[in-house]
Amino acid sequence: MDADKNKLRWCMKQKKGIALTETKPHLSDSYMREADDTLENVLVTKGKWKVITAYYACYNALYSILMKCGIRSEIHDCSIELMALFDFEESDIKYIRTLKQDRIQVQYYLEKIYLEDENNVRKFIFKCKQILNDLNSSKIENARKLLESEC
């Protein structure tokens, strides 16, 4: 799966978009702990907050990968676009995009959307942990080189 180079270029031109920084394993660990803590909240919360916390549990797990690679992105759509650089499947990307859209709808437009399956959140976080564990210096360097070539 290839990243959309036009979207990556746009993201890299934004003030809070994609930027390369030093690798931050300590922040990576912190974001994954936050994902796990937020998942616990997903399991006990109800209504719109279940959707909101589910999204942030998944997003924090994804951001953990980016931090380990030294990739910063404060624009969520740009962070999600970066998933194509790693071993995510199209269905994983679709899942977090849908979850993000659901979060926006319940949080800002007060729509009644319910989280269908908590296990999907669990699976997404587990997938992020697998990718994180499989990251080595070569994979990190390849992702960073691809982004550097887009600057």
C-alpha atoms as a PDB file:
ATOM      1  CA  MET A   1       0.000   0.000   0.000  1.00  0.00           C
ATOM      2  CA  ASP A   2       1.420   3.376  -0.975  1.00  0.00           C
ATOM      3  CA  ALA A   3       0.931   6.701   0.739  1.00  0.00           C
ATOM      4  CA  ASP A   4      -0.771   9.443  -1.273  1.00  0.00           C
ATOM      5  CA  LYS A   5       2.235  11.644  -2.012  1.00  0.00           C
ATOM      6  CA  ASN A   6       0.108  14.729  -2.719  1.00  0.00           C
ATOM      7  CA  LYS A   7      -1.567  14.458   0.678  1.00  0.00           C
ATOM      8  CA  LEU A   8       1.787  13.888   2.383  1.00  0.00           C
ATOM      9  CA  ARG A   9       3.259  16.945   0.640  1.00  0.00           C
ATOM     10  CA  TRP A  10       0.292  19.048   1.743  1.00  0.00           C
ATOM     11  CA  CYS A  11       0.625  17.755   5.297  1.00  0.00           C
ATOM     12  CA  MET A  12       4.325  18.553   5.403  1.00  0.00           C
ATOM     13  CA  LYS A  13       3.665  22.158   4.353  1.00  0.00           C
ATOM     14  CA  GLN A  14       1.195  22.784   7.188  1.00  0.00           C
ATOM     15  CA  LYS A  15       2.409  24.504  10.340  1.00  0.00           C
ATOM     16  CA  LYS A  16       1.133  21.687  12.572  1.00  0.00           C
ATOM     17  CA  GLY A  17       1.368  19.018   9.916  1.00  0.00           C
ATOM     18  CA  ILE A  18       3.959  16.313   9.451  1.00  0.00           C
ATOM     19  CA  ALA A  19       7.493  17.086  10.611  1.00  0.00           C
ATOM     20  CA  LEU A  20      10.501  14.943  11.347  1.00  0.00           C
ATOM     21  CA  THR A  21      11.911  15.227  14.853  1.00  0.00           C
ATOM     22  CA  GLU A  22      14.259  13.151  16.916  1.00  0.00           C
ATOM     23  CA  THR A  23      12.959   9.695  17.718  1.00  0.00           C
ATOM     24  CA  LYS A  24      11.150   9.654  21.046  1.00  0.00           C
ATOM     25  CA  PRO A  25      10.886   6.145  22.476  1.00  0.00           C
ATOM     26  CA  HIS A  26       9.853   7.484  25.896  1.00  0.00           C
ATOM     27  CA  LEU A  27       6.927   9.381  24.338  1.00  0.00           C
ATOM     28  CA  SER A  28       6.078   6.341  22.263  1.00  0.00           C
ATOM     29  CA  ASP A  29       5.770   4.300  25.462  1.00  0.00           C
ATOM     30  CA  SER A  30       3.681   7.052  27.092  1.00  0.00           C
ATOM     31  CA  TYR A  31       1.257   7.232  24.156  1.00  0.00           C
ATOM     32  CA  MET A  32       0.789   3.457  24.195  1.00  0.00           C
ATOM     33  CA  ARG A  33       0.123   3.499  27.940  1.00  0.00           C
ATOM     34  CA  GLU A  34      -2.403   6.275  27.309  1.00  0.00           C
ATOM     35  CA  ALA A  35      -4.040   4.148  24.606  1.00  0.00           C
ATOM     36  CA  ASP A  36      -4.364   1.251  27.053  1.00  0.00           C
ATOM     37  CA  ASP A  37      -5.755   3.522  29.786  1.00  0.00           C
ATOM     38  CA  THR A  38      -8.238   5.066  27.375  1.00  0.00           C
ATOM     39  CA  LEU A  39      -9.312   1.598  26.221  1.00  0.00           C
ATOM     40  CA  GLU A  40     -10.209   0.808  29.831  1.00  0.00           C
ATOM     41  CA  ASN A  41     -12.453   3.887  29.797  1.00  0.00           C
ATOM     42  CA  VAL A  42     -14.088   2.730  26.553  1.00  0.00           C
ATOM     43  CA  LEU A  43     -15.152  -0.438  28.316  1.00  0.00           C
ATOM     44  CA  VAL A  44     -16.977   1.391  31.141  1.00  0.00           C
ATOM     45  CA  THR A  45     -18.310   4.552  29.510  1.00  0.00           C
ATOM     46  CA  LYS A  46     -21.614   4.930  27.674  1.00  0.00           C
ATOM     47  CA  GLY A  47     -23.205   6.914  24.900  1.00  0.00           C
ATOM     48  CA  LYS A  48     -21.252   9.452  22.887  1.00  0.00           C
ATOM     49  CA  TRP A  49     -18.258   9.245  25.223  1.00  0.00           C
ATOM     50  CA  LYS A  50     -17.733   5.622  24.226  1.00  0.00           C
ATOM     51  CA  VAL A  51     -17.220   6.717  20.597  1.00  0.00           C
ATOM     52  CA  ILE A  52     -15.012   9.653  21.589  1.00  0.00           C
ATOM     53  CA  THR A  53     -12.775   7.623  23.892  1.00  0.00           C
ATOM     54  CA  ALA A  54     -12.611   4.763  21.372  1.00  0.00           C
ATOM     55  CA  TYR A  55     -11.231   7.133  18.747  1.00  0.00           C
ATOM     56  CA  TYR A  56      -8.626   8.581  21.101  1.00  0.00           C
ATOM     57  CA  ALA A  57      -7.562   5.127  22.289  1.00  0.00           C
ATOM     58  CA  CYS A  58      -6.871   4.163  18.672  1.00  0.00           C
ATOM     59  CA  TYR A  59      -5.306   7.505  17.769  1.00  0.00           C
ATOM     60  CA  ASN A  60      -2.919   7.390  20.741  1.00  0.00           C
ATOM     61  CA  ALA A  61      -1.833   3.876  19.752  1.00  0.00           C
ATOM     62  CA  LEU A  62      -1.138   5.114  16.215  1.00  0.00           C
ATOM     63  CA  TYR A  63       0.696   8.176  17.508  1.00  0.00           C
ATOM     64  CA  SER A  64       2.889   5.896  19.602  1.00  0.00           C
ATOM     65  CA  ILE A  65       4.272   4.474  16.343  1.00  0.00           C
ATOM     66  CA  LEU A  66       4.915   7.948  14.960  1.00  0.00           C
ATOM     67  CA  MET A  67       6.755   9.033  18.108  1.00  0.00           C
ATOM     68  CA  LYS A  68       9.016   5.995  17.965  1.00  0.00           C
ATOM     69  CA  CYS A  69       9.909   7.036  14.409  1.00  0.00           C
ATOM     70  CA  GLY A  70      10.390  10.711  15.251  1.00  0.00           C
ATOM     71  CA  ILE A  71       7.420  11.857  13.170  1.00  0.00           C
ATOM     72  CA  ARG A  72       5.243  14.626  14.588  1.00  0.00           C
ATOM     73  CA  SER A  73       1.800  15.479  13.263  1.00  0.00           C
ATOM     74  CA  GLU A  74      -0.832  17.519  15.055  1.00  0.00           C
ATOM     75  CA  ILE A  75      -3.326  17.217  12.207  1.00  0.00           C
ATOM     76  CA  HIS A  76      -5.182  13.942  12.735  1.00  0.00           C
ATOM     77  CA  ASP A  77      -5.922  13.394   9.035  1.00  0.00           C
ATOM     78  CA  CYS A  78      -2.197  13.692   8.335  1.00  0.00           C
ATOM     79  CA  SER A  79      -1.351  11.211  11.100  1.00  0.00           C
ATOM     80  CA  ILE A  80      -3.847   8.778   9.619  1.00  0.00           C
ATOM     81  CA  GLU A  81      -2.351   9.288   6.150  1.00  0.00           C
ATOM     82  CA  LEU A  82       0.996   8.128   7.577  1.00  0.00           C
ATOM     83  CA  MET A  83      -0.462   4.690   8.307  1.00  0.00           C
ATOM     84  CA  ALA A  84       0.327   3.764   4.699  1.00  0.00           C
ATOM     85  CA  LEU A  85       4.043   3.878   5.597  1.00  0.00           C
ATOM     86  CA  PHE A  86       3.618   0.997   8.004  1.00  0.00           C
ATOM     87  CA  ASP A  87       2.107  -2.493   7.973  1.00  0.00           C
ATOM     88  CA  PHE A  88      -1.509  -1.386   8.222  1.00  0.00           C
ATOM     89  CA  GLU A  89      -4.118  -2.807   5.907  1.00  0.00           C
ATOM     90  CA  GLU A  90      -6.643  -0.701   4.054  1.00  0.00           C
ATOM     91  CA  SER A  91      -9.320  -1.961   6.453  1.00  0.00           C
ATOM     92  CA  ASP A  92      -7.330  -0.556   9.424  1.00  0.00           C
ATOM     93  CA  ILE A  93      -7.106   2.851   7.781  1.00  0.00           C
ATOM     94  CA  LYS A  94     -10.794   2.785   6.902  1.00  0.00           C
ATOM     95  CA  TYR A  95     -11.657   1.812  10.479  1.00  0.00           C
ATOM     96  CA  ILE A  96      -9.865   4.750  12.124  1.00  0.00           C
ATOM     97  CA  ARG A  97     -11.149   7.201   9.496  1.00  0.00           C
ATOM     98  CA  THR A  98     -14.717   6.065  10.179  1.00  0.00           C
ATOM     99  CA  LEU A  99     -14.157   6.206  13.933  1.00  0.00           C
ATOM    100  CA  LYS A 100     -12.765   9.738  13.587  1.00  0.00           C
ATOM    101  CA  GLN A 101     -15.796  10.816  11.565  1.00  0.00           C
ATOM    102  CA  ASP A 102     -18.134   9.227  14.111  1.00  0.00           C
ATOM    103  CA  ARG A 103     -16.325  11.073  16.913  1.00  0.00           C
ATOM    104  CA  ILE A 104     -16.791  14.390  15.115  1.00  0.00           C
ATOM    105  CA  GLN A 105     -20.475  13.688  14.510  1.00  0.00           C
ATOM    106  CA  VAL A 106     -21.241  12.788  18.140  1.00  0.00           C
ATOM    107  CA  GLN A 107     -19.016  15.451  19.666  1.00  0.00           C
ATOM    108  CA  TYR A 108     -19.851  18.472  17.530  1.00  0.00           C
ATOM    109  CA  TYR A 109     -23.187  17.665  15.909  1.00  0.00           C
ATOM    110  CA  LEU A 110     -24.706  15.615  18.760  1.00  0.00           C
ATOM    111  CA  GLU A 111     -25.650  12.763  16.467  1.00  0.00           C
ATOM    112  CA  LYS A 112     -26.666   9.468  18.033  1.00  0.00           C
ATOM    113  CA  ILE A 113     -23.923   7.105  16.893  1.00  0.00           C
ATOM    114  CA  TYR A 114     -22.957   4.125  18.986  1.00  0.00           C
ATOM    115  CA  LEU A 115     -19.751   2.138  19.083  1.00  0.00           C
ATOM    116  CA  GLU A 116     -20.702  -1.158  17.508  1.00  0.00           C
ATOM    117  CA  ASP A 117     -17.920  -3.372  18.799  1.00  0.00           C
ATOM    118  CA  GLU A 118     -15.377  -2.623  21.516  1.00  0.00           C
ATOM    119  CA  ASN A 119     -13.304  -5.545  20.275  1.00  0.00           C
ATOM    120  CA  ASN A 120     -12.459  -3.598  17.113  1.00  0.00           C
ATOM    121  CA  VAL A 121     -10.812  -0.937  19.279  1.00  0.00           C
ATOM    122  CA  ARG A 122      -8.892  -3.659  21.088  1.00  0.00           C
ATOM    123  CA  LYS A 123      -7.821  -5.194  17.758  1.00  0.00           C
ATOM    124  CA  PHE A 124      -6.636  -1.847  16.389  1.00  0.00           C
ATOM    125  CA  ILE A 125      -4.521  -1.158  19.475  1.00  0.00           C
ATOM    126  CA  PHE A 126      -3.101  -4.685  19.337  1.00  0.00           C
ATOM    127  CA  LYS A 127      -2.195  -4.166  15.661  1.00  0.00           C
ATOM    128  CA  CYS A 128      -0.401  -0.940  16.593  1.00  0.00           C
ATOM    129  CA  LYS A 129       1.528  -2.813  19.293  1.00  0.00           C
ATOM    130  CA  GLN A 130       2.555  -5.460  16.766  1.00  0.00           C
ATOM    131  CA  ILE A 131       3.776  -2.814  14.320  1.00  0.00           C
ATOM    132  CA  LEU A 132       5.582  -1.034  17.139  1.00  0.00           C
ATOM    133  CA  ASN A 133       7.300  -4.243  18.226  1.00  0.00           C
ATOM    134  CA  ASP A 134       8.334  -5.006  14.637  1.00  0.00           C
ATOM    135  CA  LEU A 135       9.792  -1.543  14.064  1.00  0.00           C
ATOM    136  CA  ASN A 136      13.519  -1.671  13.692  1.00  0.00           C
ATOM    137  CA  SER A 137      16.032   0.985  12.712  1.00  0.00           C
ATOM    138  CA  SER A 138      15.789   0.009   9.043  1.00  0.00           C
ATOM    139  CA  LYS A 139      11.986   0.381   8.912  1.00  0.00           C
ATOM    140  CA  ILE A 140      12.180   3.689  10.788  1.00  0.00           C
ATOM    141  CA  GLU A 141      14.877   4.957   8.425  1.00  0.00           C
ATOM    142  CA  ASN A 142      12.819   3.933   5.372  1.00  0.00           C
ATOM    143  CA  ALA A 143       9.724   5.786   6.618  1.00  0.00           C
ATOM    144  CA  ARG A 144      11.770   8.892   7.409  1.00  0.00           C
ATOM    145  CA  LYS A 145      13.544   8.795   4.003  1.00  0.00           C
ATOM    146  CA  LEU A 146      10.214   8.626   2.216  1.00  0.00           C
ATOM    147  CA  LEU A 147       9.024  11.690   4.100  1.00  0.00           C
ATOM    148  CA  GLU A 148      12.308  13.553   3.560  1.00  0.00           C
ATOM    149  CA  SER A 149      11.987  12.957  -0.184  1.00  0.00           C
ATOM    150  CA  GLU A 150       8.559  14.649  -0.037  1.00  0.00           C
ATOM    151  CA  CYS A 151       9.901  17.862   1.564  1.00  0.00           C
END
